[in-house]
């Protein structure tokens, strides 16, 4: 049954509270599944739900001023979350239940999250390739679009070059390398968010001493930051091999400035595919060698 017509005055845009986390995750997940349906095994669905709840819980604690929901008659119908790290605002999550899309509610919700970072020197948004999302972010004041591609496929271990320098990392012992690489590529450390990211089932931390780090789960690249392309390539190879033999490997948001990643992906036997763009503004790092994370950027 279609919902009754919604008047703008009926929808409240308000801060996301701790009690809203499960409903906010559900709204965002439903929106994503509507536009990008997948055949996901029940076990993986449960893991994704766990990850989503942990993500919103973490950001509601660190950035309560950047977490917003759209509420209609007591029901959470949308969520938008932004975070600030060392002068860089990043847009982490946006989702609106399909029945309420196209009514202007999403614009109001996004505006609340955007205001949270308006006074920061820099900003980063990772977009899906949905036309409405790209249109919304392209209209954000001061942001420029950076096209990106994705890499996907399976890798034969025989393709991996010998002598990789990356090793399993330790969040405490490798904090200096992690912070320096993060600040180099995006202008802000990732360290405060890495415990939440590494708590995800199967997530691994890889490090090249004094140069960079990466996080990967079962062959899926979650985050990479480095000073040099040589170290970044080693880390990407390590991430690719973090999954089981023959497992699907994926790397998203690869910009032209990160051509080293495309070279590694092709050598590994991966295919180049479409991916949504990045939108950036203001004072940031080099954005290379860098593969950003969708949740924590």
Protein backbone atom coordinates (compact mmCIF):
# COMPACT_ATOMS: atom_id res chain seq x y z
CA UNK A 1 0.00 0.00 0.00
CA UNK A 2 1.35 3.43 -0.90
CA UNK A 3 1.72 5.86 2.00
CA UNK A 4 -0.65 8.79 2.29
CA UNK A 5 0.59 12.05 0.74
CA UNK A 6 3.24 13.70 2.88
CA UNK A 7 3.19 17.42 3.62
CA UNK A 8 6.61 18.96 4.31
CA UNK A 9 5.41 20.17 7.68
CA UNK A 10 4.71 16.56 8.70
CA UNK A 11 8.41 15.61 8.51
CA UNK A 12 10.79 16.63 11.27
CA UNK A 13 14.53 16.89 10.64
CA UNK A 14 16.22 16.38 14.00
CA UNK A 15 19.47 15.11 15.56
CA UNK A 16 19.97 11.35 15.56
CA UNK A 17 19.87 9.96 19.10
CA UNK A 18 21.40 6.76 20.43
CA UNK A 19 17.93 5.21 20.50
CA UNK A 20 17.54 5.86 16.75
CA UNK A 21 20.57 3.84 15.60
CA UNK A 22 18.81 0.63 14.54
CA UNK A 23 16.00 2.45 12.70
CA UNK A 24 18.45 4.82 11.01
CA UNK A 25 20.56 1.90 9.78
CA UNK A 26 17.45 0.12 8.50
CA UNK A 27 16.30 3.18 6.55
CA UNK A 28 19.72 3.65 4.93
CA UNK A 29 20.02 -0.06 4.13
CA UNK A 30 16.56 -0.18 2.56
CA UNK A 31 17.38 2.82 0.38
CA UNK A 32 20.62 1.20 -0.79
CA UNK A 33 18.99 -2.14 -1.51
CA UNK A 34 16.25 -0.42 -3.49
CA UNK A 35 18.73 1.17 -5.89
CA UNK A 36 21.37 -1.58 -5.87
CA UNK A 37 19.68 -4.93 -5.19
CA UNK A 38 22.02 -7.81 -4.36
CA UNK A 39 21.58 -11.50 -3.70
CA UNK A 40 23.28 -11.64 -0.30
CA UNK A 41 23.49 -14.74 1.87
CA UNK A 42 21.72 -14.47 5.26
CA UNK A 43 25.03 -14.71 7.13
CA UNK A 44 26.49 -11.80 5.17
CA UNK A 45 23.27 -9.81 5.67
CA UNK A 46 23.65 -10.25 9.42
CA UNK A 47 27.29 -9.12 9.26
CA UNK A 48 26.33 -6.04 7.23
CA UNK A 49 23.63 -5.15 9.74
CA UNK A 50 26.15 -5.50 12.59
CA UNK A 51 28.64 -3.31 10.73
CA UNK A 52 26.00 -0.68 9.96
CA UNK A 53 24.84 -0.43 13.56
CA UNK A 54 28.42 -0.19 14.84
CA UNK A 55 29.18 2.54 12.28
CA UNK A 56 26.25 4.75 13.25
CA UNK A 57 26.78 4.11 16.96
CA UNK A 58 30.40 5.20 16.68
CA UNK A 59 29.65 8.36 14.70
CA UNK A 60 26.72 9.34 16.92
CA UNK A 61 29.18 9.28 19.80
CA UNK A 62 32.01 11.16 18.07
CA UNK A 63 29.92 13.60 15.99
CA UNK A 64 26.42 14.02 17.47
CA UNK A 65 26.16 17.39 15.74
CA UNK A 66 26.65 15.76 12.35
CA UNK A 67 24.09 12.95 12.70
CA UNK A 68 20.53 13.68 11.55
CA UNK A 69 17.30 11.84 10.83
CA UNK A 70 14.03 12.57 9.08
CA UNK A 71 11.09 11.52 11.23
CA UNK A 72 7.46 11.13 10.16
CA UNK A 73 4.82 10.32 12.77
CA UNK A 74 7.45 8.69 14.99
CA UNK A 75 9.06 6.65 12.18
CA UNK A 76 12.65 7.22 10.99
CA UNK A 77 12.37 7.55 7.21
CA UNK A 78 15.86 8.83 6.42
CA UNK A 79 19.29 9.52 7.84
CA UNK A 80 22.30 11.69 6.98
CA UNK A 81 25.62 11.55 8.83
CA UNK A 82 28.71 13.72 8.55
CA UNK A 83 31.89 13.71 10.63
CA UNK A 84 34.72 16.13 11.26
CA UNK A 85 38.34 15.14 11.72
CA UNK A 86 41.07 17.76 12.09
CA UNK A 87 39.38 20.37 9.93
CA UNK A 88 38.05 18.00 7.28
CA UNK A 89 34.29 17.35 7.04
CA UNK A 90 33.29 14.06 5.48
CA UNK A 91 29.86 12.81 4.48
CA UNK A 92 29.52 9.26 5.75
CA UNK A 93 25.96 8.10 5.13
CA UNK A 94 22.75 9.14 3.43
CA UNK A 95 19.58 7.15 2.89
CA UNK A 96 15.87 7.85 2.46
CA UNK A 97 13.14 5.23 2.37
CA UNK A 98 12.08 4.82 -1.28
CA UNK A 99 8.47 5.85 -0.67
CA UNK A 100 9.62 9.30 0.48
CA UNK A 101 12.23 10.05 -2.17
CA UNK A 102 11.72 12.91 -4.59
CA UNK A 103 9.66 14.98 -2.16
CA UNK A 104 12.36 17.43 -1.08
CA UNK A 105 12.81 15.74 2.30
CA UNK A 106 16.25 14.44 1.38
CA UNK A 107 17.46 17.92 0.50
CA UNK A 108 16.46 19.21 3.93
CA UNK A 109 18.11 16.24 5.61
CA UNK A 110 21.34 16.61 3.65
CA UNK A 111 21.42 20.35 4.36
CA UNK A 112 21.50 19.67 8.09
CA UNK A 113 24.53 17.38 7.79
CA UNK A 114 26.23 19.78 5.37
CA UNK A 115 25.84 22.71 7.79
CA UNK A 116 27.76 20.75 10.42
CA UNK A 117 30.90 20.94 8.29
CA UNK A 118 30.35 24.34 6.69
CA UNK A 119 33.01 26.05 8.77
CA UNK A 120 35.71 23.44 8.19
CA UNK A 121 38.63 24.13 5.82
CA UNK A 122 38.08 20.95 3.76
CA UNK A 123 35.37 18.52 2.73
CA UNK A 124 35.05 15.12 1.03
CA UNK A 125 31.96 13.31 -0.27
CA UNK A 126 31.94 9.87 -1.85
CA UNK A 127 28.89 9.46 -4.08
CA UNK A 128 27.05 6.51 -5.50
CA UNK A 129 26.42 6.67 -9.23
CA UNK A 130 22.71 7.35 -8.67
CA UNK A 131 21.76 10.48 -10.65
CA UNK A 132 19.93 12.17 -7.77
CA UNK A 133 22.88 11.67 -5.42
CA UNK A 134 25.40 13.06 -7.90
CA UNK A 135 23.12 16.01 -8.65
CA UNK A 136 22.75 16.80 -4.94
CA UNK A 137 26.48 16.74 -4.21
CA UNK A 138 27.43 18.60 -7.40
CA UNK A 139 25.23 21.48 -6.22
CA UNK A 140 26.96 21.67 -2.83
CA UNK A 141 28.77 25.03 -2.61
CA UNK A 142 32.48 24.89 -3.37
CA UNK A 143 32.72 21.20 -4.25
CA UNK A 144 34.40 19.92 -7.43
CA UNK A 145 33.84 16.51 -8.98
CA UNK A 146 36.60 13.90 -9.31
CA UNK A 147 35.62 10.92 -11.51
CA UNK A 148 36.54 7.48 -10.18
CA UNK A 149 36.40 3.85 -11.31
CA UNK A 150 36.17 0.54 -9.51
CA UNK A 151 38.12 -2.70 -9.85
CA UNK A 152 36.63 -6.15 -9.34
CA UNK A 153 37.28 -9.81 -10.07
CA UNK A 154 39.25 -12.71 -8.64
CA UNK A 155 43.02 -12.92 -8.35
CA UNK A 156 45.24 -15.91 -9.03
CA UNK A 157 47.88 -16.02 -6.25
CA UNK A 158 50.50 -16.76 -8.91
CA UNK A 159 50.12 -13.17 -10.09
CA UNK A 160 51.29 -11.70 -6.78
CA UNK A 161 54.80 -10.27 -7.04
CA UNK A 162 57.46 -11.57 -4.63
CA UNK A 163 58.96 -9.56 -1.82
CA UNK A 164 55.96 -7.56 -0.65
CA UNK A 165 56.89 -5.32 2.27
CA UNK A 166 53.46 -5.06 3.86
CA UNK A 167 52.91 -6.89 7.12
CA UNK A 168 50.10 -7.30 9.65
CA UNK A 169 49.74 -4.04 11.54
CA UNK A 170 49.21 -3.10 15.16
CA UNK A 171 47.02 -0.09 15.83
CA UNK A 172 49.03 1.10 18.81
CA UNK A 173 52.55 0.29 17.65
CA UNK A 174 51.93 1.64 14.14
CA UNK A 175 49.99 4.75 15.15
CA UNK A 176 52.71 7.15 13.98
CA UNK A 177 52.83 5.62 10.49
CA UNK A 178 49.03 5.56 10.26
CA UNK A 179 48.58 9.17 11.31
CA UNK A 180 51.33 10.49 9.05
CA UNK A 181 49.97 8.66 5.99
CA UNK A 182 46.39 9.79 6.71
CA UNK A 183 47.38 13.42 7.08
CA UNK A 184 49.47 13.24 3.93
CA UNK A 185 46.63 12.05 1.69
CA UNK A 186 43.54 13.69 3.17
CA UNK A 187 44.77 16.25 5.69
CA UNK A 188 43.41 14.45 8.77
CA UNK A 189 44.19 11.33 10.77
CA UNK A 190 42.08 8.17 10.52
CA UNK A 191 43.22 6.91 13.91
CA UNK A 192 40.09 7.78 15.92
CA UNK A 193 37.90 5.75 13.53
CA UNK A 194 40.14 2.75 12.95
CA UNK A 195 39.08 0.83 16.07
CA UNK A 196 35.50 0.86 14.78
CA UNK A 197 36.61 -0.13 11.27
CA UNK A 198 38.91 -2.90 12.48
CA UNK A 199 36.19 -4.29 14.75
CA UNK A 200 34.33 -5.44 11.64
CA UNK A 201 34.41 -9.24 11.26
CA UNK A 202 37.40 -10.31 9.17
CA UNK A 203 38.88 -6.81 8.82
CA UNK A 204 42.71 -6.75 8.72
CA UNK A 205 45.25 -3.97 9.17
CA UNK A 206 48.32 -3.98 6.91
CA UNK A 207 51.33 -1.68 7.25
CA UNK A 208 54.47 -0.77 5.33
CA UNK A 209 56.87 0.54 7.93
CA UNK A 210 57.12 4.32 7.94
CA UNK A 211 55.12 4.69 4.73
CA UNK A 212 51.47 3.65 4.82
CA UNK A 213 48.67 1.35 5.86
CA UNK A 214 45.59 -0.40 4.51
CA UNK A 215 42.47 -2.08 5.87
CA UNK A 216 40.84 -4.96 4.00
CA UNK A 217 38.20 -7.59 4.59
CA UNK A 218 38.12 -10.80 2.55
CA UNK A 219 39.71 -9.19 -0.50
CA UNK A 220 37.59 -6.04 -0.32
CA UNK A 221 39.69 -2.88 0.01
CA UNK A 222 38.34 -0.75 2.85
CA UNK A 223 40.95 2.00 3.16
CA UNK A 224 44.50 2.77 2.02
CA UNK A 225 46.81 5.72 2.65
CA UNK A 226 50.53 5.97 1.90
CA UNK A 227 53.34 8.37 1.12
CA UNK A 228 54.67 6.51 -1.93
CA UNK A 229 53.08 4.60 -4.79
CA UNK A 230 55.47 1.69 -4.26
CA UNK A 231 54.23 1.18 -0.70
CA UNK A 232 50.62 1.70 -1.79
CA UNK A 233 51.01 -1.00 -4.46
CA UNK A 234 52.40 -3.44 -1.89
CA UNK A 235 49.49 -2.68 0.43
CA UNK A 236 46.93 -3.17 -2.34
CA UNK A 237 48.45 -6.52 -3.25
CA UNK A 238 48.23 -7.50 0.43
CA UNK A 239 44.59 -6.42 0.55
CA UNK A 240 43.78 -8.34 -2.62
CA UNK A 241 45.21 -11.48 -1.05
CA UNK A 242 43.34 -11.01 2.24
CA UNK A 243 40.45 -13.11 0.96
CA UNK A 244 40.16 -16.82 0.23
CA UNK A 245 41.60 -18.15 -3.01
CA UNK A 246 39.18 -17.36 -5.84
CA UNK A 247 37.15 -14.94 -3.73
CA UNK A 248 35.78 -11.77 -5.29
CA UNK A 249 38.12 -8.81 -4.94
CA UNK A 250 36.84 -5.23 -5.13
CA UNK A 251 38.37 -1.77 -4.94
CA UNK A 252 36.22 1.36 -5.21
CA UNK A 253 36.78 5.09 -5.73
CA UNK A 254 40.00 4.90 -7.74
CA UNK A 255 40.73 8.33 -9.20
CA UNK A 256 43.05 9.18 -12.09
CA UNK A 257 45.62 10.41 -9.56
CA UNK A 258 45.74 6.85 -8.25
CA UNK A 259 46.68 5.16 -11.49
CA UNK A 260 49.09 2.94 -9.57
CA UNK A 261 46.00 1.12 -8.21
CA UNK A 262 44.63 0.58 -11.70
CA UNK A 263 48.00 -0.88 -12.74
CA UNK A 264 47.96 -3.28 -9.77
CA UNK A 265 44.34 -4.26 -10.44
CA UNK A 266 44.99 -5.06 -14.08
CA UNK A 267 48.10 -7.05 -13.20
CA UNK A 268 45.98 -8.99 -10.69
CA UNK A 269 43.44 -9.80 -13.41
CA UNK A 270 40.70 -7.49 -12.17
CA UNK A 271 38.32 -5.63 -14.46
CA UNK A 272 37.69 -1.89 -14.51
CA UNK A 273 34.09 -0.87 -13.89
CA UNK A 274 31.97 2.14 -13.08
CA UNK A 275 31.92 3.84 -9.69
CA UNK A 276 30.40 7.00 -8.31
CA UNK A 277 32.53 10.16 -8.17
CA UNK A 278 34.21 11.97 -5.32
CA UNK A 279 33.38 15.57 -4.51
CA UNK A 280 36.01 17.63 -2.70
CA UNK A 281 36.57 21.20 -1.56
CA UNK A 282 39.07 23.30 0.29
CA UNK A 283 42.19 22.30 2.15
CA UNK A 284 42.92 18.60 1.89
CA UNK A 285 45.92 16.34 1.49
CA UNK A 286 47.31 15.01 -1.77
CA UNK A 287 44.41 12.52 -2.26
CA UNK A 288 47.07 10.10 -3.53
CA UNK A 289 48.18 7.43 -2.90
CA UNK A 290 44.72 7.06 -1.38
CA UNK A 291 41.78 4.69 -1.56
CA UNK A 292 39.08 6.17 0.71
CA UNK A 293 36.62 4.39 2.95
CA UNK A 294 32.90 4.87 2.38
CA UNK A 295 32.05 5.12 6.08
CA UNK A 296 35.00 7.05 7.47
CA UNK A 297 36.60 8.44 4.25
